[in-house]
PDB file of N, CA and C in Angstrom:
ATOM      1  N   MET A   1     -38.355 -80.861 -50.647  1.00  0.00           N
ATOM      2  CA  MET A   1     -39.257 -80.006 -51.374  1.00  0.00           C
ATOM      3  C   MET A   1     -40.533 -80.800 -51.665  1.00  0.00           C
ATOM      4  N   ASN A   2     -41.633 -80.142 -51.523  1.00  0.00           N
ATOM      5  CA  ASN A   2     -42.938 -80.745 -51.736  1.00  0.00           C
ATOM      6  C   ASN A   2     -43.173 -80.998 -53.232  1.00  0.00           C
ATOM      7  N   GLY A   3     -43.950 -82.028 -53.554  1.00  0.00           N
ATOM      8  CA  GLY A   3     -44.237 -82.347 -54.946  1.00  0.00           C
ATOM      9  C   GLY A   3     -44.995 -81.250 -55.659  1.00  0.00           C
ATOM     10  N   ASP A   4     -45.885 -80.570 -54.928  1.00  0.00           N
ATOM     11  CA  ASP A   4     -46.634 -79.465 -55.537  1.00  0.00           C
ATOM     12  C   ASP A   4     -45.706 -78.330 -55.956  1.00  0.00           C
ATOM     13  N   ALA A   5     -44.712 -78.056 -55.147  1.00  0.00           N
ATOM     14  CA  ALA A   5     -43.770 -76.984 -55.476  1.00  0.00           C
ATOM     15  C   ALA A   5     -42.978 -77.331 -56.726  1.00  0.00           C
ATOM     16  N   ILE A   6     -42.614 -78.581 -56.863  1.00  0.00           N
ATOM     17  CA  ILE A   6     -41.870 -78.999 -58.050  1.00  0.00           C
ATOM     18  C   ILE A   6     -42.730 -78.840 -59.303  1.00  0.00           C
ATOM     19  N   VAL A   7     -44.000 -79.212 -59.213  1.00  0.00           N
ATOM     20  CA  VAL A   7     -44.911 -79.061 -60.355  1.00  0.00           C
ATOM     21  C   VAL A   7     -45.021 -77.591 -60.743  1.00  0.00           C
ATOM     22  N   TRP A   8     -45.221 -76.716 -59.768  1.00  0.00           N
ATOM     23  CA  TRP A   8     -45.360 -75.291 -60.069  1.00  0.00           C
ATOM     24  C   TRP A   8     -44.070 -74.698 -60.631  1.00  0.00           C
ATOM     25  N   ILE A   9     -42.929 -75.126 -60.107  1.00  0.00           N
ATOM     26  CA  ILE A   9     -41.651 -74.610 -60.618  1.00  0.00           C
ATOM     27  C   ILE A   9     -41.453 -75.021 -62.069  1.00  0.00           C
ATOM     28  N   VAL A  10     -41.677 -76.299 -62.373  1.00  0.00           N
ATOM     29  CA  VAL A  10     -41.517 -76.770 -63.750  1.00  0.00           C
ATOM     30  C   VAL A  10     -42.519 -76.078 -64.671  1.00  0.00           C
ATOM     31  N   LEU A  11     -43.749 -75.945 -64.216  1.00  0.00           N
ATOM     32  CA  LEU A  11     -44.784 -75.309 -65.029  1.00  0.00           C
ATOM     33  C   LEU A  11     -44.462 -73.844 -65.309  1.00  0.00           C
ATOM     34  N   LEU A  12     -44.114 -73.097 -64.285  1.00  0.00           N
ATOM     35  CA  LEU A  12     -43.815 -71.673 -64.479  1.00  0.00           C
ATOM     36  C   LEU A  12     -42.553 -71.457 -65.301  1.00  0.00           C
ATOM     37  N   LEU A  13     -41.533 -72.280 -65.083  1.00  0.00           N
ATOM     38  CA  LEU A  13     -40.327 -72.153 -65.894  1.00  0.00           C
ATOM     39  C   LEU A  13     -40.612 -72.467 -67.359  1.00  0.00           C
ATOM     40  N   SER A  14     -41.431 -73.474 -67.613  1.00  0.00           N
ATOM     41  CA  SER A  14     -41.786 -73.810 -68.993  1.00  0.00           C
ATOM     42  C   SER A  14     -42.525 -72.665 -69.664  1.00  0.00           C
ATOM     43  N   ILE A  15     -43.476 -72.080 -68.953  1.00  0.00           N
ATOM     44  CA  ILE A  15     -44.244 -70.968 -69.520  1.00  0.00           C
ATOM     45  C   ILE A  15     -43.359 -69.756 -69.759  1.00  0.00           C
ATOM     46  N   VAL A  16     -42.528 -69.416 -68.796  1.00  0.00           N
ATOM     47  CA  VAL A  16     -41.679 -68.226 -68.933  1.00  0.00           C
ATOM     48  C   VAL A  16     -40.680 -68.401 -70.076  1.00  0.00           C
ATOM     49  N   ILE A  17     -40.047 -69.548 -70.155  1.00  0.00           N
ATOM     50  CA  ILE A  17     -39.048 -69.765 -71.199  1.00  0.00           C
ATOM     51  C   ILE A  17     -39.698 -69.783 -72.586  1.00  0.00           C
ATOM     52  N   CYS A  18     -40.787 -70.516 -72.734  1.00  0.00           N
ATOM     53  CA  CYS A  18     -41.446 -70.602 -74.046  1.00  0.00           C
ATOM     54  C   CYS A  18     -42.031 -69.257 -74.474  1.00  0.00           C
ATOM     55  N   ASP A  19     -42.676 -68.545 -73.552  1.00  0.00           N
ATOM     56  CA  ASP A  19     -43.252 -67.244 -73.903  1.00  0.00           C
ATOM     57  C   ASP A  19     -42.174 -66.218 -74.217  1.00  0.00           C
ATOM     58  N   TYR A  20     -41.084 -66.231 -73.460  1.00  0.00           N
ATOM     59  CA  TYR A  20     -39.994 -65.297 -73.736  1.00  0.00           C
ATOM     60  C   TYR A  20     -39.393 -65.568 -75.110  1.00  0.00           C
ATOM     61  N   LEU A  21     -39.161 -66.839 -75.412  1.00  0.00           N
ATOM     62  CA  LEU A  21     -38.581 -67.183 -76.704  1.00  0.00           C
ATOM     63  C   LEU A  21     -39.514 -66.803 -77.852  1.00  0.00           C
ATOM     64  N   ALA A  22     -40.810 -67.017 -77.668  1.00  0.00           N
ATOM     65  CA  ALA A  22     -41.783 -66.673 -78.715  1.00  0.00           C
ATOM     66  C   ALA A  22     -41.826 -65.167 -78.942  1.00  0.00           C
ATOM     67  N   THR A  23     -41.865 -64.384 -77.875  1.00  0.00           N
ATOM     68  CA  THR A  23     -41.917 -62.926 -78.042  1.00  0.00           C
ATOM     69  C   THR A  23     -40.598 -62.379 -78.583  1.00  0.00           C
ATOM     70  N   TYR A  24     -39.492 -62.963 -78.195  1.00  0.00           N
ATOM     71  CA  TYR A  24     -38.205 -62.519 -78.719  1.00  0.00           C
ATOM     72  C   TYR A  24     -38.126 -62.758 -80.223  1.00  0.00           C
ATOM     73  N   LEU A  25     -38.541 -63.949 -80.653  1.00  0.00           N
ATOM     74  CA  LEU A  25     -38.504 -64.245 -82.083  1.00  0.00           C
ATOM     75  C   LEU A  25     -39.507 -63.394 -82.861  1.00  0.00           C
ATOM     76  N   TYR A  26     -40.628 -63.053 -82.228  1.00  0.00           N
ATOM     77  CA  TYR A  26     -41.603 -62.191 -82.894  1.00  0.00           C
ATOM     78  C   TYR A  26     -41.082 -60.759 -83.025  1.00  0.00           C
ATOM     79  N   LYS A  27     -40.431 -60.253 -81.974  1.00  0.00           N
ATOM     80  CA  LYS A  27     -39.929 -58.886 -82.016  1.00  0.00           C
ATOM     81  C   LYS A  27     -38.788 -58.721 -82.999  1.00  0.00           C
ATOM     82  N   THR A  28     -38.000 -59.759 -83.182  1.00  0.00           N
ATOM     83  CA  THR A  28     -36.909 -59.664 -84.147  1.00  0.00           C
ATOM     84  C   THR A  28     -37.374 -59.990 -85.563  1.00  0.00           C
ATOM     85  N   LYS A  29     -38.677 -60.180 -85.738  1.00  0.00           N
ATOM     86  CA  LYS A  29     -39.312 -60.419 -87.043  1.00  0.00           C
ATOM     87  C   LYS A  29     -38.817 -61.705 -87.720  1.00  0.00           C
ATOM     88  N   LYS A  30     -38.450 -62.689 -86.917  1.00  0.00           N
ATOM     89  CA  LYS A  30     -38.001 -63.948 -87.496  1.00  0.00           C
ATOM     90  C   LYS A  30     -39.145 -64.940 -87.668  1.00  0.00           C
ATOM     91  N   ILE A  31     -40.005 -65.058 -86.656  1.00  0.00           N
ATOM     92  CA  ILE A  31     -41.091 -66.038 -86.691  1.00  0.00           C
ATOM     93  C   ILE A  31     -42.365 -65.356 -86.205  1.00  0.00           C
ATOM     94  N   PRO A  32     -43.490 -65.543 -86.910  1.00  0.00           N
ATOM     95  CA  PRO A  32     -44.759 -65.000 -86.409  1.00  0.00           C
ATOM     96  C   PRO A  32     -45.140 -65.667 -85.083  1.00  0.00           C
ATOM     97  N   LEU A  33     -45.928 -64.970 -84.308  1.00  0.00           N
ATOM     98  CA  LEU A  33     -46.298 -65.454 -82.976  1.00  0.00           C
ATOM     99  C   LEU A  33     -47.133 -66.725 -83.044  1.00  0.00           C
ATOM    100  N   TRP A  34     -47.990 -66.834 -84.051  1.00  0.00           N
ATOM    101  CA  TRP A  34     -48.825 -68.025 -84.142  1.00  0.00           C
ATOM    102  C   TRP A  34     -48.013 -69.254 -84.506  1.00  0.00           C
ATOM    103  N   VAL A  35     -46.919 -69.091 -85.249  1.00  0.00           N
ATOM    104  CA  VAL A  35     -46.051 -70.221 -85.565  1.00  0.00           C
ATOM    105  C   VAL A  35     -45.309 -70.684 -84.314  1.00  0.00           C
ATOM    106  N   SER A  36     -44.895 -69.732 -83.485  1.00  0.00           N
ATOM    107  CA  SER A  36     -44.267 -70.091 -82.219  1.00  0.00           C
ATOM    108  C   SER A  36     -45.239 -70.833 -81.315  1.00  0.00           C
ATOM    109  N   ALA A  37     -46.522 -70.463 -81.369  1.00  0.00           N
ATOM    110  CA  ALA A  37     -47.524 -71.163 -80.569  1.00  0.00           C
ATOM    111  C   ALA A  37     -47.682 -72.610 -81.036  1.00  0.00           C
ATOM    112  N   ILE A  38     -47.617 -72.830 -82.342  1.00  0.00           N
ATOM    113  CA  ILE A  38     -47.690 -74.202 -82.842  1.00  0.00           C
ATOM    114  C   ILE A  38     -46.467 -74.988 -82.383  1.00  0.00           C
ATOM    115  N   GLY A  39     -45.306 -74.362 -82.406  1.00  0.00           N
ATOM    116  CA  GLY A  39     -44.097 -75.016 -81.897  1.00  0.00           C
ATOM    117  C   GLY A  39     -44.205 -75.343 -80.417  1.00  0.00           C
ATOM    118  N   MET A  40     -44.793 -74.417 -79.654  1.00  0.00           N
ATOM    119  CA  MET A  40     -45.008 -74.678 -78.224  1.00  0.00           C
ATOM    120  C   MET A  40     -45.970 -75.837 -78.029  1.00  0.00           C
ATOM    121  N   ALA A  41     -46.987 -75.920 -78.868  1.00  0.00           N
ATOM    122  CA  ALA A  41     -47.946 -77.028 -78.760  1.00  0.00           C
ATOM    123  C   ALA A  41     -47.262 -78.361 -79.037  1.00  0.00           C
ATOM    124  N   LEU A  42     -46.310 -78.370 -79.943  1.00  0.00           N
ATOM    125  CA  LEU A  42     -45.578 -79.601 -80.222  1.00  0.00           C
ATOM    126  C   LEU A  42     -44.615 -79.975 -79.101  1.00  0.00           C
ATOM    127  N   LEU A  43     -44.195 -78.997 -78.309  1.00  0.00           N
ATOM    128  CA  LEU A  43     -43.282 -79.267 -77.193  1.00  0.00           C
ATOM    129  C   LEU A  43     -43.990 -79.720 -75.917  1.00  0.00           C
ATOM    130  N   ILE A  44     -45.291 -79.519 -75.826  1.00  0.00           N
ATOM    131  CA  ILE A  44     -46.021 -79.881 -74.601  1.00  0.00           C
ATOM    132  C   ILE A  44     -45.859 -81.358 -74.247  1.00  0.00           C
ATOM    133  N   PRO A  45     -46.052 -82.293 -75.172  1.00  0.00           N
ATOM    134  CA  PRO A  45     -45.880 -83.702 -74.776  1.00  0.00           C
ATOM    135  C   PRO A  45     -44.457 -84.038 -74.339  1.00  0.00           C
ATOM    136  N   ILE A  46     -43.475 -83.369 -74.928  1.00  0.00           N
ATOM    137  CA  ILE A  46     -42.081 -83.630 -74.560  1.00  0.00           C
ATOM    138  C   ILE A  46     -41.808 -83.134 -73.152  1.00  0.00           C
ATOM    139  N   ILE A  47     -42.259 -81.921 -72.831  1.00  0.00           N
ATOM    140  CA  ILE A  47     -42.031 -81.347 -71.501  1.00  0.00           C
ATOM    141  C   ILE A  47     -42.732 -82.179 -70.434  1.00  0.00           C
ATOM    142  N   VAL A  48     -44.001 -82.452 -70.638  1.00  0.00           N
ATOM    143  CA  VAL A  48     -44.780 -83.168 -69.622  1.00  0.00           C
ATOM    144  C   VAL A  48     -44.357 -84.630 -69.553  1.00  0.00           C
ATOM    145  N   GLY A  49     -44.075 -85.239 -70.690  1.00  0.00           N
ATOM    146  CA  GLY A  49     -43.628 -86.631 -70.674  1.00  0.00           C
ATOM    147  C   GLY A  49     -42.319 -86.808 -69.930  1.00  0.00           C
ATOM    148  N   SER A  50     -41.392 -85.876 -70.132  1.00  0.00           N
ATOM    149  CA  SER A  50     -40.123 -85.930 -69.396  1.00  0.00           C
ATOM    150  C   SER A  50     -40.349 -85.764 -67.902  1.00  0.00           C
ATOM    151  N   PHE A  51     -41.220 -84.826 -67.545  1.00  0.00           N
ATOM    152  CA  PHE A  51     -41.511 -84.590 -66.135  1.00  0.00           C
ATOM    153  C   PHE A  51     -42.125 -85.826 -65.491  1.00  0.00           C
ATOM    154  N   VAL A  52     -43.091 -86.444 -66.152  1.00  0.00           N
ATOM    155  CA  VAL A  52     -43.759 -87.625 -65.603  1.00  0.00           C
ATOM    156  C   VAL A  52     -42.782 -88.794 -65.532  1.00  0.00           C
ATOM    157  N   TYR A  53     -41.955 -88.978 -66.566  1.00  0.00           N
ATOM    158  CA  TYR A  53     -40.988 -90.068 -66.561  1.00  0.00           C
ATOM    159  C   TYR A  53     -40.005 -89.923 -65.402  1.00  0.00           C
ATOM    160  N   LEU A  54     -39.483 -88.711 -65.217  1.00  0.00           N
ATOM    161  CA  LEU A  54     -38.544 -88.491 -64.119  1.00  0.00           C
ATOM    162  C   LEU A  54     -39.220 -88.666 -62.766  1.00  0.00           C
ATOM    163  N   GLY A  55     -40.468 -88.224 -62.656  1.00  0.00           N
ATOM    164  CA  GLY A  55     -41.195 -88.390 -61.399  1.00  0.00           C
ATOM    165  C   GLY A  55     -41.466 -89.844 -61.065  1.00  0.00           C
ATOM    166  N   VAL A  56     -41.834 -90.630 -62.063  1.00  0.00           N
ATOM    167  CA  VAL A  56     -42.078 -92.061 -61.837  1.00  0.00           C
ATOM    168  C   VAL A  56     -40.772 -92.776 -61.512  1.00  0.00           C
ATOM    169  N   SER A  57     -39.697 -92.419 -62.204  1.00  0.00           N
ATOM    170  CA  SER A  57     -38.403 -93.034 -61.916  1.00  0.00           C
ATOM    171  C   SER A  57     -37.944 -92.719 -60.500  1.00  0.00           C
ATOM    172  N   TYR A  58     -38.142 -91.469 -60.082  1.00  0.00           N
ATOM    173  CA  TYR A  58     -37.778 -91.075 -58.725  1.00  0.00           C
ATOM    174  C   TYR A  58     -38.603 -91.853 -57.701  1.00  0.00           C
ATOM    175  N   ALA A  59     -39.891 -91.981 -57.956  1.00  0.00           N
ATOM    176  CA  ALA A  59     -40.770 -92.675 -57.013  1.00  0.00           C
ATOM    177  C   ALA A  59     -40.424 -94.163 -56.940  1.00  0.00           C
ATOM    178  N   LYS A  60     -40.056 -94.771 -58.069  1.00  0.00           N
ATOM    179  CA  LYS A  60     -39.670 -96.177 -58.053  1.00  0.00           C
ATOM    180  C   LYS A  60     -38.386 -96.395 -57.259  1.00  0.00           C
ATOM    181  N   ALA A  61     -37.448 -95.464 -57.390  1.00  0.00           N
ATOM    182  CA  ALA A  61     -36.149 -95.631 -56.748  1.00  0.00           C
ATOM    183  C   ALA A  61     -36.205 -95.385 -55.246  1.00  0.00           C
ATOM    184  N   PHE A  62     -36.922 -94.355 -54.828  1.00  0.00           N
ATOM    185  CA  PHE A  62     -36.872 -93.950 -53.431  1.00  0.00           C
ATOM    186  C   PHE A  62     -38.117 -94.297 -52.628  1.00  0.00           C
ATOM    187  N   GLU A  63     -39.242 -94.506 -53.287  1.00  0.00           N
ATOM    188  CA  GLU A  63     -40.486 -94.836 -52.602  1.00  0.00           C
ATOM    189  C   GLU A  63     -41.157 -96.007 -53.328  1.00  0.00           C
ATOM    190  N   PRO A  64     -40.693 -97.227 -53.107  1.00  0.00           N
ATOM    191  CA  PRO A  64     -41.239 -98.358 -53.868  1.00  0.00           C
ATOM    192  C   PRO A  64     -42.699 -98.677 -53.541  1.00  0.00           C
ATOM    193  N   ASP A  65     -43.200 -98.274 -52.405  1.00  0.00           N
ATOM    194  CA  ASP A  65     -44.592 -98.548 -52.050  1.00  0.00           C
ATOM    195  C   ASP A  65     -45.564 -97.503 -52.588  1.00  0.00           C
ATOM    196  N   ASN A  66     -45.056 -96.464 -53.205  1.00  0.00           N
ATOM    197  CA  ASN A  66     -45.884 -95.379 -53.727  1.00  0.00           C
ATOM    198  C   ASN A  66     -46.623 -95.848 -54.975  1.00  0.00           C
ATOM    199  N   THR A  67     -47.900 -95.494 -55.093  1.00  0.00           N
ATOM    200  CA  THR A  67     -48.683 -95.887 -56.267  1.00  0.00           C
ATOM    201  C   THR A  67     -48.458 -94.966 -57.456  1.00  0.00           C
ATOM    202  N   ARG A  68     -47.852 -93.832 -57.265  1.00  0.00           N
ATOM    203  CA  ARG A  68     -47.462 -92.886 -58.313  1.00  0.00           C
ATOM    204  C   ARG A  68     -48.635 -92.341 -59.115  1.00  0.00           C
ATOM    205  N   GLU A  69     -49.791 -92.237 -58.527  1.00  0.00           N
ATOM    206  CA  GLU A  69     -50.908 -91.661 -59.264  1.00  0.00           C
ATOM    207  C   GLU A  69     -50.915 -90.141 -59.186  1.00  0.00           C
ATOM    208  N   GLY A  70     -50.238 -89.579 -58.209  1.00  0.00           N
ATOM    209  CA  GLY A  70     -50.160 -88.123 -58.088  1.00  0.00           C
ATOM    210  C   GLY A  70     -49.389 -87.495 -59.228  1.00  0.00           C
ATOM    211  N   ILE A  71     -48.353 -88.173 -59.699  1.00  0.00           N
ATOM    212  CA  ILE A  71     -47.567 -87.633 -60.809  1.00  0.00           C
ATOM    213  C   ILE A  71     -48.382 -87.616 -62.096  1.00  0.00           C
ATOM    214  N   ALA A  72     -49.296 -88.566 -62.234  1.00  0.00           N
ATOM    215  CA  ALA A  72     -50.162 -88.566 -63.419  1.00  0.00           C
ATOM    216  C   ALA A  72     -51.136 -87.392 -63.376  1.00  0.00           C
ATOM    217  N   PHE A  73     -51.693 -87.105 -62.207  1.00  0.00           N
ATOM    218  CA  PHE A  73     -52.575 -85.942 -62.079  1.00  0.00           C
ATOM    219  C   PHE A  73     -51.798 -84.647 -62.306  1.00  0.00           C
ATOM    220  N   ALA A  74     -50.573 -84.591 -61.805  1.00  0.00           N
ATOM    221  CA  ALA A  74     -49.744 -83.399 -62.015  1.00  0.00           C
ATOM    222  C   ALA A  74     -49.434 -83.216 -63.492  1.00  0.00           C
ATOM    223  N   GLY A  75     -49.147 -84.319 -64.191  1.00  0.00           N
ATOM    224  CA  GLY A  75     -48.882 -84.237 -65.626  1.00  0.00           C
ATOM    225  C   GLY A  75     -50.103 -83.770 -66.406  1.00  0.00           C
ATOM    226  N   GLY A  76     -51.266 -84.274 -66.028  1.00  0.00           N
ATOM    227  CA  GLY A  76     -52.500 -83.827 -66.686  1.00  0.00           C
ATOM    228  C   GLY A  76     -52.768 -82.357 -66.447  1.00  0.00           C
ATOM    229  N   PHE A  77     -52.530 -81.905 -65.218  1.00  0.00           N
ATOM    230  CA  PHE A  77     -52.697 -80.486 -64.888  1.00  0.00           C
ATOM    231  C   PHE A  77     -51.740 -79.630 -65.715  1.00  0.00           C
ATOM    232  N   MET A  78     -50.504 -80.078 -65.848  1.00  0.00           N
ATOM    233  CA  MET A  78     -49.525 -79.319 -66.615  1.00  0.00           C
ATOM    234  C   MET A  78     -49.917 -79.246 -68.092  1.00  0.00           C
ATOM    235  N   VAL A  79     -50.443 -80.335 -68.630  1.00  0.00           N
ATOM    236  CA  VAL A  79     -50.870 -80.336 -70.031  1.00  0.00           C
ATOM    237  C   VAL A  79     -51.977 -79.319 -70.252  1.00  0.00           C
ATOM    238  N   VAL A  80     -52.941 -79.279 -69.347  1.00  0.00           N
ATOM    239  CA  VAL A  80     -54.062 -78.341 -69.497  1.00  0.00           C
ATOM    240  C   VAL A  80     -53.577 -76.897 -69.444  1.00  0.00           C
ATOM    241  N   ILE A  81     -52.737 -76.569 -68.477  1.00  0.00           N
ATOM    242  CA  ILE A  81     -52.250 -75.194 -68.329  1.00  0.00           C
ATOM    243  C   ILE A  81     -51.379 -74.793 -69.523  1.00  0.00           C
ATOM    244  N   LEU A  82     -50.465 -75.664 -69.935  1.00  0.00           N
ATOM    245  CA  LEU A  82     -49.610 -75.334 -71.077  1.00  0.00           C
ATOM    246  C   LEU A  82     -50.412 -75.236 -72.374  1.00  0.00           C
ATOM    247  N   ALA A  83     -51.441 -76.074 -72.524  1.00  0.00           N
ATOM    248  CA  ALA A  83     -52.282 -75.989 -73.716  1.00  0.00           C
ATOM    249  C   ALA A  83     -53.080 -74.680 -73.740  1.00  0.00           C
ATOM    250  N   LEU A  84     -53.598 -74.265 -72.599  1.00  0.00           N
ATOM    251  CA  LEU A  84     -54.311 -72.976 -72.543  1.00  0.00           C
ATOM    252  C   LEU A  84     -53.373 -71.817 -72.870  1.00  0.00           C
ATOM    253  N   ASN A  85     -52.155 -71.873 -72.372  1.00  0.00           N
ATOM    254  CA  ASN A  85     -51.172 -70.842 -72.684  1.00  0.00           C
ATOM    255  C   ASN A  85     -50.887 -70.813 -74.185  1.00  0.00           C
ATOM    256  N   THR A  86     -50.774 -71.980 -74.786  1.00  0.00           N
ATOM    257  CA  THR A  86     -50.510 -72.064 -76.218  1.00  0.00           C
ATOM    258  C   THR A  86     -51.683 -71.548 -77.037  1.00  0.00           C
ATOM    259  N   ILE A  87     -52.898 -71.883 -76.626  1.00  0.00           N
ATOM    260  CA  ILE A  87     -54.083 -71.402 -77.343  1.00  0.00           C
ATOM    261  C   ILE A  87     -54.174 -69.882 -77.264  1.00  0.00           C
ATOM    262  N   ILE A  88     -53.920 -69.322 -76.097  1.00  0.00           N
ATOM    263  CA  ILE A  88     -53.944 -67.860 -75.944  1.00  0.00           C
ATOM    264  C   ILE A  88     -52.876 -67.221 -76.824  1.00  0.00           C
ATOM    265  N   MET A  89     -51.684 -67.797 -76.852  1.00  0.00           N
ATOM    266  CA  MET A  89     -50.604 -67.265 -77.687  1.00  0.00           C
ATOM    267  C   MET A  89     -50.980 -67.357 -79.170  1.00  0.00           C
ATOM    268  N   PHE A  90     -51.619 -68.437 -79.583  1.00  0.00           N
ATOM    269  CA  PHE A  90     -52.031 -68.604 -80.979  1.00  0.00           C
ATOM    270  C   PHE A  90     -53.074 -67.566 -81.363  1.00  0.00           C
ATOM    271  N   VAL A  91     -54.064 -67.354 -80.504  1.00  0.00           N
ATOM    272  CA  VAL A  91     -55.124 -66.376 -80.795  1.00  0.00           C
ATOM    273  C   VAL A  91     -54.542 -64.971 -80.883  1.00  0.00           C
ATOM    274  N   ILE A  92     -53.655 -64.628 -79.959  1.00  0.00           N
ATOM    275  CA  ILE A  92     -53.016 -63.311 -79.996  1.00  0.00           C
ATOM    276  C   ILE A  92     -52.201 -63.150 -81.279  1.00  0.00           C
ATOM    277  N   GLY A  93     -51.486 -64.201 -81.676  1.00  0.00           N
ATOM    278  CA  GLY A  93     -50.705 -64.147 -82.915  1.00  0.00           C
ATOM    279  C   GLY A  93     -51.559 -63.956 -84.152  1.00  0.00           C
ATOM    280  N   VAL A  94     -52.701 -64.650 -84.207  1.00  0.00           N
ATOM    281  CA  VAL A  94     -53.607 -64.494 -85.355  1.00  0.00           C
ATOM    282  C   VAL A  94     -54.192 -63.084 -85.384  1.00  0.00           C
ATOM    283  N   ILE A  95     -54.593 -62.571 -84.231  1.00  0.00           N
ATOM    284  CA  ILE A  95     -55.144 -61.207 -84.167  1.00  0.00           C
ATOM    285  C   ILE A  95     -54.097 -60.182 -84.612  1.00  0.00           C
ATOM    286  N   LEU A  96     -52.856 -60.356 -84.160  1.00  0.00           N
ATOM    287  CA  LEU A  96     -51.799 -59.429 -84.576  1.00  0.00           C
ATOM    288  C   LEU A  96     -51.549 -59.500 -86.078  1.00  0.00           C
ATOM    289  N   ASN A  97     -51.576 -60.691 -86.653  1.00  0.00           N
ATOM    290  CA  ASN A  97     -51.394 -60.808 -88.103  1.00  0.00           C
ATOM    291  C   ASN A  97     -52.541 -60.175 -88.872  1.00  0.00           C
ATOM    292  N   ILE A  98     -53.753 -60.330 -88.397  1.00  0.00           N
ATOM    293  CA  ILE A  98     -54.906 -59.709 -89.058  1.00  0.00           C
ATOM    294  C   ILE A  98     -54.804 -58.193 -88.970  1.00  0.00           C
ATOM    295  N   CYS A  99     -54.427 -57.682 -87.820  1.00  0.00           N
ATOM    296  CA  CYS A  99     -54.284 -56.224 -87.656  1.00  0.00           C
ATOM    297  C   CYS A  99     -53.199 -55.664 -88.566  1.00  0.00           C
ATOM    298  N   THR A 100     -52.057 -56.332 -88.643  1.00  0.00           N
ATOM    299  CA  THR A 100     -51.001 -55.839 -89.525  1.00  0.00           C
ATOM    300  C   THR A 100     -51.390 -55.972 -90.995  1.00  0.00           C
ATOM    301  N   PHE A 101     -52.159 -56.978 -91.351  1.00  0.00           N
ATOM    302  CA  PHE A 101     -52.632 -57.120 -92.725  1.00  0.00           C
ATOM    303  C   PHE A 101     -53.518 -55.943 -93.116  1.00  0.00           C
ATOM    304  N   PHE A 102     -54.487 -55.599 -92.231  1.00  0.00           N
ATOM    305  CA  PHE A 102     -55.361 -54.476 -92.554  1.00  0.00           C
ATOM    306  C   PHE A 102     -54.611 -53.146 -92.495  1.00  0.00           C
ATOM    307  N   LYS A 103     -53.636 -53.021 -91.632  1.00  0.00           N
ATOM    308  CA  LYS A 103     -52.853 -51.793 -91.559  1.00  0.00           C
ATOM    309  C   LYS A 103     -52.046 -51.610 -92.852  1.00  0.00           C
ATOM    310  N   ASN A 104     -51.470 -52.689 -93.348  1.00  0.00           N
ATOM    311  CA  ASN A 104     -50.728 -52.612 -94.613  1.00  0.00           C
ATOM    312  C   ASN A 104     -51.659 -52.414 -95.795  1.00  0.00           C
ATOM    313  N   LYS A 105     -52.856 -52.941 -95.739  1.00  0.00           N
ATOM    314  CA  LYS A 105     -53.849 -52.795 -96.805  1.00  0.00           C
ATOM    315  C   LYS A 105     -54.299 -51.335 -96.922  1.00  0.00           C
ATOM    316  N   GLN A 106     -54.421 -50.634 -95.773  1.00  0.00           N
ATOM    317  CA  GLN A 106     -54.849 -49.234 -95.792  1.00  0.00           C
ATOM    318  C   GLN A 106     -53.758 -48.321 -96.345  1.00  0.00           C
ATOM    319  N   ARG A 107     -52.499 -48.696 -96.190  1.00  0.00           N
ATOM    320  CA  ARG A 107     -51.405 -47.873 -96.703  1.00  0.00           C
ATOM    321  C   ARG A 107     -51.367 -47.878 -98.226  1.00  0.00           C
ATOM    322  N   ILE A 108     -51.789 -48.951 -98.815  1.00  0.00           N
ATOM    323  CA  ILE A 108     -51.722 -49.074-100.280  1.00  0.00           C
ATOM    324  C   ILE A 108     -52.835 -48.359-100.948  1.00  0.00           C
TER     325      ILE A 108
END
């Protein structure tokens, strides 16, 4: 499997799992969406750090002549994409909270 495919698989799985969990918790009224976005932001270094660590370990074991700079670029790319996803989720969560606040304010 190509390295690019692995990056895309890890990235898409991370986005799908985190977004699904955030929307599920929001729909069940347990956690606001913006709080889930903050939790996702805290998980970004863990997800990307694990990916980079495993990639460097794999490259050391099977390709000792590899300079391993591609995994660093892949990790940086993943951080940017996951951070943008988190920012979008945070903004949507804040907008939804503002809308529900004004909707409840009009009822009173």
